[in-house]
Amino acid sequence: MILVNTDYISGKNFEMLGLVKGSTIQSKNIGRDISQGFKTLVGGELKAYTEMMNEARDLATRRMVEEAEKLGADAIVNIRYASSAVMQGAAEVIAYGTAVKFAN
């Protein structure tokens, strides 16, 4: 499966199959949430949250690819990511793009 954030793939002609997406809502455990809260007092990277968001993007991407595979797609073009806070310490991440099938 080819994944790109452009609306084309060099040298490939394709037909669009439709929108595909994957999402997840992730949170860290209360202990890490408290320790990250203390970190905001002194500044610096909130590594537990960085890790959480990376895991969320990976999972959302896998779910999007699974949806595209069900459609028989060869690639997903124009991939985008969005995130939003659901509650303190939890965030939703969604990955979406257009599933395409290569023309013969």
PDB file of N, CA and C in Angstrom:
ATOM      1  N   MET A   1       0.865  -1.185   0.000  1.00  0.00           N
ATOM      2  CA  MET A   1       0.000   0.000   0.000  1.00  0.00           C
ATOM      3  C   MET A   1       0.900   1.233   0.000  1.00  0.00           C
ATOM      4  N   ILE A   2       0.660   2.094  -0.971  1.00  0.00           N
ATOM      5  CA  ILE A   2       1.396   3.351  -1.065  1.00  0.00           C
ATOM      6  C   ILE A   2       0.578   4.427  -0.350  1.00  0.00           C
ATOM      7  N   LEU A   3       1.230   5.186   0.519  1.00  0.00           N
ATOM      8  CA  LEU A   3       0.587   6.262   1.271  1.00  0.00           C
ATOM      9  C   LEU A   3       1.303   7.565   0.951  1.00  0.00           C
ATOM     10  N   VAL A   4       0.559   8.553   0.457  1.00  0.00           N
ATOM     11  CA  VAL A   4       1.163   9.852   0.140  1.00  0.00           C
ATOM     12  C   VAL A   4       0.231  10.982   0.569  1.00  0.00           C
ATOM     13  N   ASN A   5       0.836  12.143   0.820  1.00  0.00           N
ATOM     14  CA  ASN A   5       0.019  13.298   1.186  1.00  0.00           C
ATOM     15  C   ASN A   5      -0.179  14.246   0.005  1.00  0.00           C
ATOM     16  N   THR A   6       0.138  13.769  -1.195  1.00  0.00           N
ATOM     17  CA  THR A   6      -0.122  14.515  -2.422  1.00  0.00           C
ATOM     18  C   THR A   6      -1.354  13.933  -3.095  1.00  0.00           C
ATOM     19  N   ASP A   7      -1.887  14.640  -4.086  1.00  0.00           N
ATOM     20  CA  ASP A   7      -3.068  14.124  -4.781  1.00  0.00           C
ATOM     21  C   ASP A   7      -2.690  13.361  -6.053  1.00  0.00           C
ATOM     22  N   TYR A   8      -1.410  13.011  -6.179  1.00  0.00           N
ATOM     23  CA  TYR A   8      -0.932  12.246  -7.326  1.00  0.00           C
ATOM     24  C   TYR A   8       0.199  11.323  -6.883  1.00  0.00           C
ATOM     25  N   ILE A   9       0.495  10.328  -7.716  1.00  0.00           N
ATOM     26  CA  ILE A   9       1.659   9.465  -7.541  1.00  0.00           C
ATOM     27  C   ILE A   9       2.361   9.458  -8.890  1.00  0.00           C
ATOM     28  N   SER A  10       3.588   9.921  -8.933  1.00  0.00           N
ATOM     29  CA  SER A  10       4.311  10.044 -10.202  1.00  0.00           C
ATOM     30  C   SER A  10       4.275   8.742 -10.988  1.00  0.00           C
ATOM     31  N   GLY A  11       3.917   8.861 -12.262  1.00  0.00           N
ATOM     32  CA  GLY A  11       3.908   7.722 -13.160  1.00  0.00           C
ATOM     33  C   GLY A  11       2.726   6.783 -13.009  1.00  0.00           C
ATOM     34  N   LYS A  12       1.761   7.126 -12.159  1.00  0.00           N
ATOM     35  CA  LYS A  12       0.605   6.252 -11.928  1.00  0.00           C
ATOM     36  C   LYS A  12      -0.689   6.962 -12.312  1.00  0.00           C
ATOM     37  N   ASN A  13      -1.519   6.247 -13.030  1.00  0.00           N
ATOM     38  CA  ASN A  13      -2.888   6.689 -13.279  1.00  0.00           C
ATOM     39  C   ASN A  13      -3.781   5.842 -12.391  1.00  0.00           C
ATOM     40  N   PHE A  14      -4.811   6.459 -11.848  1.00  0.00           N
ATOM     41  CA  PHE A  14      -5.668   5.693 -10.944  1.00  0.00           C
ATOM     42  C   PHE A  14      -7.087   6.200 -10.950  1.00  0.00           C
ATOM     43  N   GLU A  15      -7.962   5.349 -10.451  1.00  0.00           N
ATOM     44  CA  GLU A  15      -9.357   5.735 -10.250  1.00  0.00           C
ATOM     45  C   GLU A  15      -9.603   5.849  -8.749  1.00  0.00           C
ATOM     46  N   MET A  16     -10.400   6.804  -8.377  1.00  0.00           N
ATOM     47  CA  MET A  16     -10.702   7.016  -6.964  1.00  0.00           C
ATOM     48  C   MET A  16     -11.776   6.034  -6.510  1.00  0.00           C
ATOM     49  N   LEU A  17     -11.554   5.433  -5.351  1.00  0.00           N
ATOM     50  CA  LEU A  17     -12.519   4.498  -4.776  1.00  0.00           C
ATOM     51  C   LEU A  17     -13.370   5.155  -3.700  1.00  0.00           C
ATOM     52  N   GLY A  18     -12.826   6.153  -3.040  1.00  0.00           N
ATOM     53  CA  GLY A  18     -13.588   6.852  -2.009  1.00  0.00           C
ATOM     54  C   GLY A  18     -12.752   7.229  -0.796  1.00  0.00           C
ATOM     55  N   LEU A  19     -13.389   7.956   0.076  1.00  0.00           N
ATOM     56  CA  LEU A  19     -12.766   8.412   1.311  1.00  0.00           C
ATOM     57  C   LEU A  19     -12.564   7.240   2.255  1.00  0.00           C
ATOM     58  N   VAL A  20     -11.383   7.175   2.865  1.00  0.00           N
ATOM     59  CA  VAL A  20     -11.123   6.190   3.917  1.00  0.00           C
ATOM     60  C   VAL A  20     -10.587   6.936   5.124  1.00  0.00           C
ATOM     61  N   LYS A  21     -10.862   6.392   6.301  1.00  0.00           N
ATOM     62  CA  LYS A  21     -10.404   7.048   7.517  1.00  0.00           C
ATOM     63  C   LYS A  21     -10.162   6.014   8.599  1.00  0.00           C
ATOM     64  N   GLY A  22      -9.390   6.434   9.566  1.00  0.00           N
ATOM     65  CA  GLY A  22      -9.162   5.642  10.760  1.00  0.00           C
ATOM     66  C   GLY A  22      -9.018   6.599  11.913  1.00  0.00           C
ATOM     67  N   SER A  23      -9.511   6.210  13.079  1.00  0.00           N
ATOM     68  CA  SER A  23      -9.398   7.106  14.231  1.00  0.00           C
ATOM     69  C   SER A  23      -9.208   6.308  15.507  1.00  0.00           C
ATOM     70  N   THR A  24      -8.766   7.014  16.519  1.00  0.00           N
ATOM     71  CA  THR A  24      -8.613   6.428  17.845  1.00  0.00           C
ATOM     72  C   THR A  24      -8.666   7.556  18.871  1.00  0.00           C
ATOM     73  N   ILE A  25      -9.034   7.196  20.081  1.00  0.00           N
ATOM     74  CA  ILE A  25      -8.946   8.121  21.210  1.00  0.00           C
ATOM     75  C   ILE A  25      -8.003   7.472  22.202  1.00  0.00           C
ATOM     76  N   GLN A  26      -6.968   8.190  22.560  1.00  0.00           N
ATOM     77  CA  GLN A  26      -5.916   7.653  23.421  1.00  0.00           C
ATOM     78  C   GLN A  26      -5.789   8.497  24.686  1.00  0.00           C
ATOM     79  N   SER A  27      -5.358   7.846  25.756  1.00  0.00           N
ATOM     80  CA  SER A  27      -5.031   8.567  26.990  1.00  0.00           C
ATOM     81  C   SER A  27      -3.881   7.849  27.679  1.00  0.00           C
ATOM     82  N   LYS A  28      -3.216   8.550  28.537  1.00  0.00           N
ATOM     83  CA  LYS A  28      -2.154   7.962  29.352  1.00  0.00           C
ATOM     84  C   LYS A  28      -2.712   7.683  30.734  1.00  0.00           C
ATOM     85  N   ASN A  29      -2.024   6.812  31.469  1.00  0.00           N
ATOM     86  CA  ASN A  29      -2.520   6.477  32.802  1.00  0.00           C
ATOM     87  C   ASN A  29      -2.392   7.667  33.746  1.00  0.00           C
ATOM     88  N   ILE A  30      -3.112   7.623  34.827  1.00  0.00           N
ATOM     89  CA  ILE A  30      -3.195   8.749  35.767  1.00  0.00           C
ATOM     90  C   ILE A  30      -1.831   9.126  36.344  1.00  0.00           C
ATOM     91  N   GLY A  31      -0.988   8.138  36.588  1.00  0.00           N
ATOM     92  CA  GLY A  31       0.359   8.418  37.123  1.00  0.00           C
ATOM     93  C   GLY A  31       1.174   9.266  36.168  1.00  0.00           C
ATOM     94  N   ARG A  32       1.153   8.897  34.914  1.00  0.00           N
ATOM     95  CA  ARG A  32       1.887   9.684  33.915  1.00  0.00           C
ATOM     96  C   ARG A  32       1.239  11.045  33.727  1.00  0.00           C
ATOM     97  N   ASP A  33      -0.085  11.107  33.804  1.00  0.00           N
ATOM     98  CA  ASP A  33      -0.779  12.373  33.642  1.00  0.00           C
ATOM     99  C   ASP A  33      -0.349  13.356  34.730  1.00  0.00           C
ATOM    100  N   ILE A  34      -0.244  12.873  35.953  1.00  0.00           N
ATOM    101  CA  ILE A  34       0.191  13.728  37.064  1.00  0.00           C
ATOM    102  C   ILE A  34       1.630  14.184  36.858  1.00  0.00           C
ATOM    103  N   SER A  35       2.510  13.250  36.465  1.00  0.00           N
ATOM    104  CA  SER A  35       3.919  13.615  36.274  1.00  0.00           C
ATOM    105  C   SER A  35       4.073  14.615  35.130  1.00  0.00           C
ATOM    106  N   GLN A  36       3.258  14.480  34.091  1.00  0.00           N
ATOM    107  CA  GLN A  36       3.326  15.436  32.986  1.00  0.00           C
ATOM    108  C   GLN A  36       2.790  16.796  33.413  1.00  0.00           C
ATOM    109  N   GLY A  37       1.823  16.797  34.332  1.00  0.00           N
ATOM    110  CA  GLY A  37       1.319  18.056  34.872  1.00  0.00           C
ATOM    111  C   GLY A  37       2.404  18.821  35.603  1.00  0.00           C
ATOM    112  N   PHE A  38       3.236  18.115  36.363  1.00  0.00           N
ATOM    113  CA  PHE A  38       4.361  18.758  37.047  1.00  0.00           C
ATOM    114  C   PHE A  38       5.365  19.313  36.045  1.00  0.00           C
ATOM    115  N   LYS A  39       5.543  18.614  34.935  1.00  0.00           N
ATOM    116  CA  LYS A  39       6.488  19.044  33.914  1.00  0.00           C
ATOM    117  C   LYS A  39       6.089  20.402  33.345  1.00  0.00           C
ATOM    118  N   THR A  40       4.802  20.708  33.300  1.00  0.00           N
ATOM    119  CA  THR A  40       4.372  21.993  32.756  1.00  0.00           C
ATOM    120  C   THR A  40       4.839  23.158  33.621  1.00  0.00           C
ATOM    121  N   LEU A  41       5.172  22.884  34.866  1.00  0.00           N
ATOM    122  CA  LEU A  41       5.659  23.946  35.751  1.00  0.00           C
ATOM    123  C   LEU A  41       7.060  24.402  35.382  1.00  0.00           C
ATOM    124  N   VAL A  42       7.893  23.478  34.876  1.00  0.00           N
ATOM    125  CA  VAL A  42       9.284  23.816  34.564  1.00  0.00           C
ATOM    126  C   VAL A  42       9.550  23.940  33.078  1.00  0.00           C
ATOM    127  N   GLY A  43       8.617  23.502  32.257  1.00  0.00           N
ATOM    128  CA  GLY A  43       8.780  23.592  30.814  1.00  0.00           C
ATOM    129  C   GLY A  43       9.498  22.384  30.232  1.00  0.00           C
ATOM    130  N   GLY A  44       9.476  22.300  28.933  1.00  0.00           N
ATOM    131  CA  GLY A  44      10.136  21.204  28.239  1.00  0.00           C
ATOM    132  C   GLY A  44       9.128  20.281  27.574  1.00  0.00           C
ATOM    133  N   GLU A  45       9.671  19.302  26.860  1.00  0.00           N
ATOM    134  CA  GLU A  45       8.825  18.359  26.128  1.00  0.00           C
ATOM    135  C   GLU A  45       8.076  17.439  27.080  1.00  0.00           C
ATOM    136  N   LEU A  46       6.817  17.219  26.789  1.00  0.00           N
ATOM    137  CA  LEU A  46       5.996  16.271  27.533  1.00  0.00           C
ATOM    138  C   LEU A  46       6.098  14.931  26.813  1.00  0.00           C
ATOM    139  N   LYS A  47       7.154  14.182  27.115  1.00  0.00           N
ATOM    140  CA  LYS A  47       7.484  12.978  26.353  1.00  0.00           C
ATOM    141  C   LYS A  47       6.383  11.928  26.384  1.00  0.00           C
ATOM    142  N   ALA A  48       5.691  11.778  27.498  1.00  0.00           N
ATOM    143  CA  ALA A  48       4.617  10.786  27.567  1.00  0.00           C
ATOM    144  C   ALA A  48       3.486  11.146  26.599  1.00  0.00           C
ATOM    145  N   TYR A  49       3.218  12.436  26.449  1.00  0.00           N
ATOM    146  CA  TYR A  49       2.180  12.854  25.513  1.00  0.00           C
ATOM    147  C   TYR A  49       2.659  12.753  24.066  1.00  0.00           C
ATOM    148  N   THR A  50       3.923  13.039  23.825  1.00  0.00           N
ATOM    149  CA  THR A  50       4.483  12.855  22.491  1.00  0.00           C
ATOM    150  C   THR A  50       4.359  11.393  22.083  1.00  0.00           C
ATOM    151  N   GLU A  51       4.715  10.504  22.988  1.00  0.00           N
ATOM    152  CA  GLU A  51       4.602   9.065  22.738  1.00  0.00           C
ATOM    153  C   GLU A  51       3.148   8.665  22.494  1.00  0.00           C
ATOM    154  N   MET A  52       2.240   9.199  23.309  1.00  0.00           N
ATOM    155  CA  MET A  52       0.822   8.893  23.157  1.00  0.00           C
ATOM    156  C   MET A  52       0.311   9.316  21.781  1.00  0.00           C
ATOM    157  N   MET A  53       0.681  10.514  21.336  1.00  0.00           N
ATOM    158  CA  MET A  53       0.207  11.001  20.044  1.00  0.00           C
ATOM    159  C   MET A  53       0.821  10.217  18.884  1.00  0.00           C
ATOM    160  N   ASN A  54       2.087   9.819  19.008  1.00  0.00           N
ATOM    161  CA  ASN A  54       2.708   8.986  17.969  1.00  0.00           C
ATOM    162  C   ASN A  54       2.002   7.642  17.863  1.00  0.00           C
ATOM    163  N   GLU A  55       1.684   7.035  19.005  1.00  0.00           N
ATOM    164  CA  GLU A  55       0.957   5.760  19.004  1.00  0.00           C
ATOM    165  C   GLU A  55      -0.427   5.934  18.389  1.00  0.00           C
ATOM    166  N   ALA A  56      -1.076   7.039  18.703  1.00  0.00           N
ATOM    167  CA  ALA A  56      -2.417   7.298  18.177  1.00  0.00           C
ATOM    168  C   ALA A  56      -2.383   7.481  16.658  1.00  0.00           C
ATOM    169  N   ARG A  57      -1.397   8.231  16.152  1.00  0.00           N
ATOM    170  CA  ARG A  57      -1.284   8.418  14.699  1.00  0.00           C
ATOM    171  C   ARG A  57      -1.015   7.088  14.000  1.00  0.00           C
ATOM    172  N   ASP A  58      -0.137   6.264  14.589  1.00  0.00           N
ATOM    173  CA  ASP A  58       0.153   4.950  14.003  1.00  0.00           C
ATOM    174  C   ASP A  58      -1.102   4.082  13.937  1.00  0.00           C
ATOM    175  N   LEU A  59      -1.866   4.050  15.015  1.00  0.00           N
ATOM    176  CA  LEU A  59      -3.078   3.235  15.051  1.00  0.00           C
ATOM    177  C   LEU A  59      -4.124   3.764  14.075  1.00  0.00           C
ATOM    178  N   ALA A  60      -4.303   5.079  14.029  1.00  0.00           N
ATOM    179  CA  ALA A  60      -5.272   5.669  13.092  1.00  0.00           C
ATOM    180  C   ALA A  60      -4.869   5.366  11.650  1.00  0.00           C
ATOM    181  N   THR A  61      -3.573   5.421  11.357  1.00  0.00           N
ATOM    182  CA  THR A  61      -3.090   5.107  10.013  1.00  0.00           C
ATOM    183  C   THR A  61      -3.364   3.647   9.668  1.00  0.00           C
ATOM    184  N   ARG A  62      -3.084   2.731  10.598  1.00  0.00           N
ATOM    185  CA  ARG A  62      -3.348   1.300  10.357  1.00  0.00           C
ATOM    186  C   ARG A  62      -4.826   1.067  10.074  1.00  0.00           C
ATOM    187  N   ARG A  63      -5.699   1.712  10.820  1.00  0.00           N
ATOM    188  CA  ARG A  63      -7.140   1.537  10.615  1.00  0.00           C
ATOM    189  C   ARG A  63      -7.583   2.099   9.267  1.00  0.00           C
ATOM    190  N   MET A  64      -6.987   3.206   8.855  1.00  0.00           N
ATOM    191  CA  MET A  64      -7.300   3.780   7.549  1.00  0.00           C
ATOM    192  C   MET A  64      -6.858   2.823   6.444  1.00  0.00           C
ATOM    193  N   VAL A  65      -5.660   2.261   6.563  1.00  0.00           N
ATOM    194  CA  VAL A  65      -5.150   1.315   5.565  1.00  0.00           C
ATOM    195  C   VAL A  65      -6.041   0.080   5.501  1.00  0.00           C
ATOM    196  N   GLU A  66      -6.481  -0.431   6.635  1.00  0.00           N
ATOM    197  CA  GLU A  66      -7.369  -1.595   6.653  1.00  0.00           C
ATOM    198  C   GLU A  66      -8.668  -1.306   5.887  1.00  0.00           C
ATOM    199  N   GLU A  67      -9.205  -0.113   6.073  1.00  0.00           N
ATOM    200  CA  GLU A  67     -10.432   0.273   5.364  1.00  0.00           C
ATOM    201  C   GLU A  67     -10.179   0.339   3.860  1.00  0.00           C
ATOM    202  N   ALA A  68      -9.025   0.875   3.463  1.00  0.00           N
ATOM    203  CA  ALA A  68      -8.683   0.958   2.044  1.00  0.00           C
ATOM    204  C   ALA A  68      -8.486  -0.430   1.446  1.00  0.00           C
ATOM    205  N   GLU A  69      -7.855  -1.328   2.196  1.00  0.00           N
ATOM    206  CA  GLU A  69      -7.642  -2.695   1.707  1.00  0.00           C
ATOM    207  C   GLU A  69      -8.971  -3.400   1.456  1.00  0.00           C
ATOM    208  N   LYS A  70      -9.971  -3.140   2.283  1.00  0.00           N
ATOM    209  CA  LYS A  70     -11.294  -3.738   2.084  1.00  0.00           C
ATOM    210  C   LYS A  70     -11.927  -3.283   0.773  1.00  0.00           C
ATOM    211  N   LEU A  71     -11.551  -2.093   0.312  1.00  0.00           N
ATOM    212  CA  LEU A  71     -12.055  -1.573  -0.954  1.00  0.00           C
ATOM    213  C   LEU A  71     -11.234  -2.064  -2.145  1.00  0.00           C
ATOM    214  N   GLY A  72     -10.123  -2.763  -1.873  1.00  0.00           N
ATOM    215  CA  GLY A  72      -9.244  -3.221  -2.941  1.00  0.00           C
ATOM    216  C   GLY A  72      -8.289  -2.156  -3.435  1.00  0.00           C
ATOM    217  N   ALA A  73      -7.982  -1.178  -2.611  1.00  0.00           N
ATOM    218  CA  ALA A  73      -7.125  -0.063  -3.005  1.00  0.00           C
ATOM    219  C   ALA A  73      -5.660  -0.482  -3.138  1.00  0.00           C
ATOM    220  N   ASP A  74      -4.976   0.219  -4.022  1.00  0.00           N
ATOM    221  CA  ASP A  74      -3.530   0.055  -4.178  1.00  0.00           C
ATOM    222  C   ASP A  74      -2.766   1.135  -3.412  1.00  0.00           C
ATOM    223  N   ALA A  75      -3.442   2.246  -3.145  1.00  0.00           N
ATOM    224  CA  ALA A  75      -2.781   3.380  -2.494  1.00  0.00           C
ATOM    225  C   ALA A  75      -3.824   4.270  -1.838  1.00  0.00           C
ATOM    226  N   ILE A  76      -3.325   5.169  -0.998  1.00  0.00           N
ATOM    227  CA  ILE A  76      -4.161   6.224  -0.420  1.00  0.00           C
ATOM    228  C   ILE A  76      -3.439   7.539  -0.700  1.00  0.00           C
ATOM    229  N   VAL A  77      -4.149   8.464  -1.345  1.00  0.00           N
ATOM    230  CA  VAL A  77      -3.560   9.759  -1.673  1.00  0.00           C
ATOM    231  C   VAL A  77      -4.202  10.852  -0.828  1.00  0.00           C
ATOM    232  N   ASN A  78      -3.490  11.985  -0.783  1.00  0.00           N
ATOM    233  CA  ASN A  78      -3.999  13.173  -0.086  1.00  0.00           C
ATOM    234  C   ASN A  78      -4.293  12.899   1.390  1.00  0.00           C
ATOM    235  N   ILE A  79      -3.404  12.166   2.037  1.00  0.00           N
ATOM    236  CA  ILE A  79      -3.596  11.805   3.454  1.00  0.00           C
ATOM    237  C   ILE A  79      -3.436  13.034   4.346  1.00  0.00           C
ATOM    238  N   ARG A  80      -4.317  13.139   5.308  1.00  0.00           N
ATOM    239  CA  ARG A  80      -4.294  14.223   6.291  1.00  0.00           C
ATOM    240  C   ARG A  80      -4.518  13.636   7.679  1.00  0.00           C
ATOM    241  N   TYR A  81      -4.047  14.361   8.679  1.00  0.00           N
ATOM    242  CA  TYR A  81      -4.255  13.991  10.076  1.00  0.00           C
ATOM    243  C   TYR A  81      -4.885  15.164  10.806  1.00  0.00           C
ATOM    244  N   ALA A  82      -5.734  14.869  11.764  1.00  0.00           N
ATOM    245  CA  ALA A  82      -6.318  15.897  12.617  1.00  0.00           C
ATOM    246  C   ALA A  82      -6.389  15.331  14.028  1.00  0.00           C
ATOM    247  N   SER A  83      -6.322  16.213  14.996  1.00  0.00           N
ATOM    248  CA  SER A  83      -6.449  15.763  16.384  1.00  0.00           C
ATOM    249  C   SER A  83      -7.244  16.794  17.169  1.00  0.00           C
ATOM    250  N   SER A  84      -7.853  16.306  18.234  1.00  0.00           N
ATOM    251  CA  SER A  84      -8.597  17.200  19.109  1.00  0.00           C
ATOM    252  C   SER A  84      -8.620  16.618  20.509  1.00  0.00           C
ATOM    253  N   ALA A  85      -8.641  17.485  21.482  1.00  0.00           N
ATOM    254  CA  ALA A  85      -8.728  17.051  22.871  1.00  0.00           C
ATOM    255  C   ALA A  85     -10.158  16.613  23.157  1.00  0.00           C
ATOM    256  N   VAL A  86     -10.294  15.447  23.768  1.00  0.00           N
ATOM    257  CA  VAL A  86     -11.609  14.934  24.125  1.00  0.00           C
ATOM    258  C   VAL A  86     -11.892  15.274  25.582  1.00  0.00           C
ATOM    259  N   MET A  87     -10.864  15.147  26.387  1.00  0.00           N
ATOM    260  CA  MET A  87     -10.898  15.513  27.806  1.00  0.00           C
ATOM    261  C   MET A  87      -9.457  15.692  28.239  1.00  0.00           C
ATOM    262  N   GLN A  88      -9.218  16.157  29.435  1.00  0.00           N
ATOM    263  CA  GLN A  88      -7.852  16.354  29.879  1.00  0.00           C
ATOM    264  C   GLN A  88      -7.111  15.023  29.850  1.00  0.00           C
ATOM    265  N   GLY A  89      -5.988  15.010  29.135  1.00  0.00           N
ATOM    266  CA  GLY A  89      -5.167  13.802  29.068  1.00  0.00           C
ATOM    267  C   GLY A  89      -5.605  12.799  28.011  1.00  0.00           C
ATOM    268  N   ALA A  90      -6.620  13.116  27.209  1.00  0.00           N
ATOM    269  CA  ALA A  90      -7.076  12.207  26.155  1.00  0.00           C
ATOM    270  C   ALA A  90      -7.282  12.991  24.868  1.00  0.00           C
ATOM    271  N   ALA A  91      -6.881  12.374  23.769  1.00  0.00           N
ATOM    272  CA  ALA A  91      -7.006  13.051  22.479  1.00  0.00           C
ATOM    273  C   ALA A  91      -7.488  12.081  21.418  1.00  0.00           C
ATOM    274  N   GLU A  92      -8.288  12.603  20.499  1.00  0.00           N
ATOM    275  CA  GLU A  92      -8.692  11.825  19.330  1.00  0.00           C
ATOM    276  C   GLU A  92      -7.763  12.191  18.185  1.00  0.00           C
ATOM    277  N   VAL A  93      -7.332  11.193  17.455  1.00  0.00           N
ATOM    278  CA  VAL A  93      -6.558  11.406  16.239  1.00  0.00           C
ATOM    279  C   VAL A  93      -7.300  10.711  15.108  1.00  0.00           C
ATOM    280  N   ILE A  94      -7.449  11.408  13.992  1.00  0.00           N
ATOM    281  CA  ILE A  94      -8.067  10.815  12.811  1.00  0.00           C
ATOM    282  C   ILE A  94      -7.118  10.980  11.631  1.00  0.00           C
ATOM    283  N   ALA A  95      -6.991   9.915  10.857  1.00  0.00           N
ATOM    284  CA  ALA A  95      -6.235   9.925   9.608  1.00  0.00           C
ATOM    285  C   ALA A  95      -7.245   9.696   8.492  1.00  0.00           C
ATOM    286  N   TYR A  96      -7.155  10.458   7.410  1.00  0.00           N
ATOM    287  CA  TYR A  96      -8.094  10.275   6.313  1.00  0.00           C
ATOM    288  C   TYR A  96      -7.426  10.607   4.985  1.00  0.00           C
ATOM    289  N   GLY A  97      -7.944   9.998   3.938  1.00  0.00           N
ATOM    290  CA  GLY A  97      -7.420  10.218   2.603  1.00  0.00           C
ATOM    291  C   GLY A  97      -8.341   9.577   1.582  1.00  0.00           C
ATOM    292  N   THR A  98      -7.890   9.551   0.333  1.00  0.00           N
ATOM    293  CA  THR A  98      -8.672   8.978  -0.751  1.00  0.00           C
ATOM    294  C   THR A  98      -8.041   7.671  -1.203  1.00  0.00           C
ATOM    295  N   ALA A  99      -8.815   6.584  -1.112  1.00  0.00           N
ATOM    296  CA  ALA A  99      -8.346   5.279  -1.579  1.00  0.00           C
ATOM    297  C   ALA A  99      -8.408   5.273  -3.094  1.00  0.00           C
ATOM    298  N   VAL A 100      -7.357   4.724  -3.732  1.00  0.00           N
ATOM    299  CA  VAL A 100      -7.317   4.684  -5.195  1.00  0.00           C
ATOM    300  C   VAL A 100      -6.869   3.307  -5.675  1.00  0.00           C
ATOM    301  N   LYS A 101      -7.288   2.982  -6.895  1.00  0.00           N
ATOM    302  CA  LYS A 101      -6.914   1.730  -7.567  1.00  0.00           C
ATOM    303  C   LYS A 101      -6.167   2.125  -8.830  1.00  0.00           C
ATOM    304  N   PHE A 102      -4.989   1.525  -9.045  1.00  0.00           N
ATOM    305  CA  PHE A 102      -4.193   1.854 -10.230  1.00  0.00           C
ATOM    306  C   PHE A 102      -4.887   1.371 -11.490  1.00  0.00           C
ATOM    307  N   ALA A 103      -4.847   2.207 -12.533  1.00  0.00           N
ATOM    308  CA  ALA A 103      -5.424   1.858 -13.828  1.00  0.00           C
ATOM    309  C   ALA A 103      -4.447   0.941 -14.565  1.00  0.00           C
ATOM    310  N   ASN A 104      -4.986   0.036 -15.353  1.00  0.00           N
ATOM    311  CA  ASN A 104      -4.127  -0.905 -16.106  1.00  0.00           C
ATOM    312  C   ASN A 104      -3.523  -0.268 -17.315  1.00  0.00           C
TER     313      ASN A 104
END
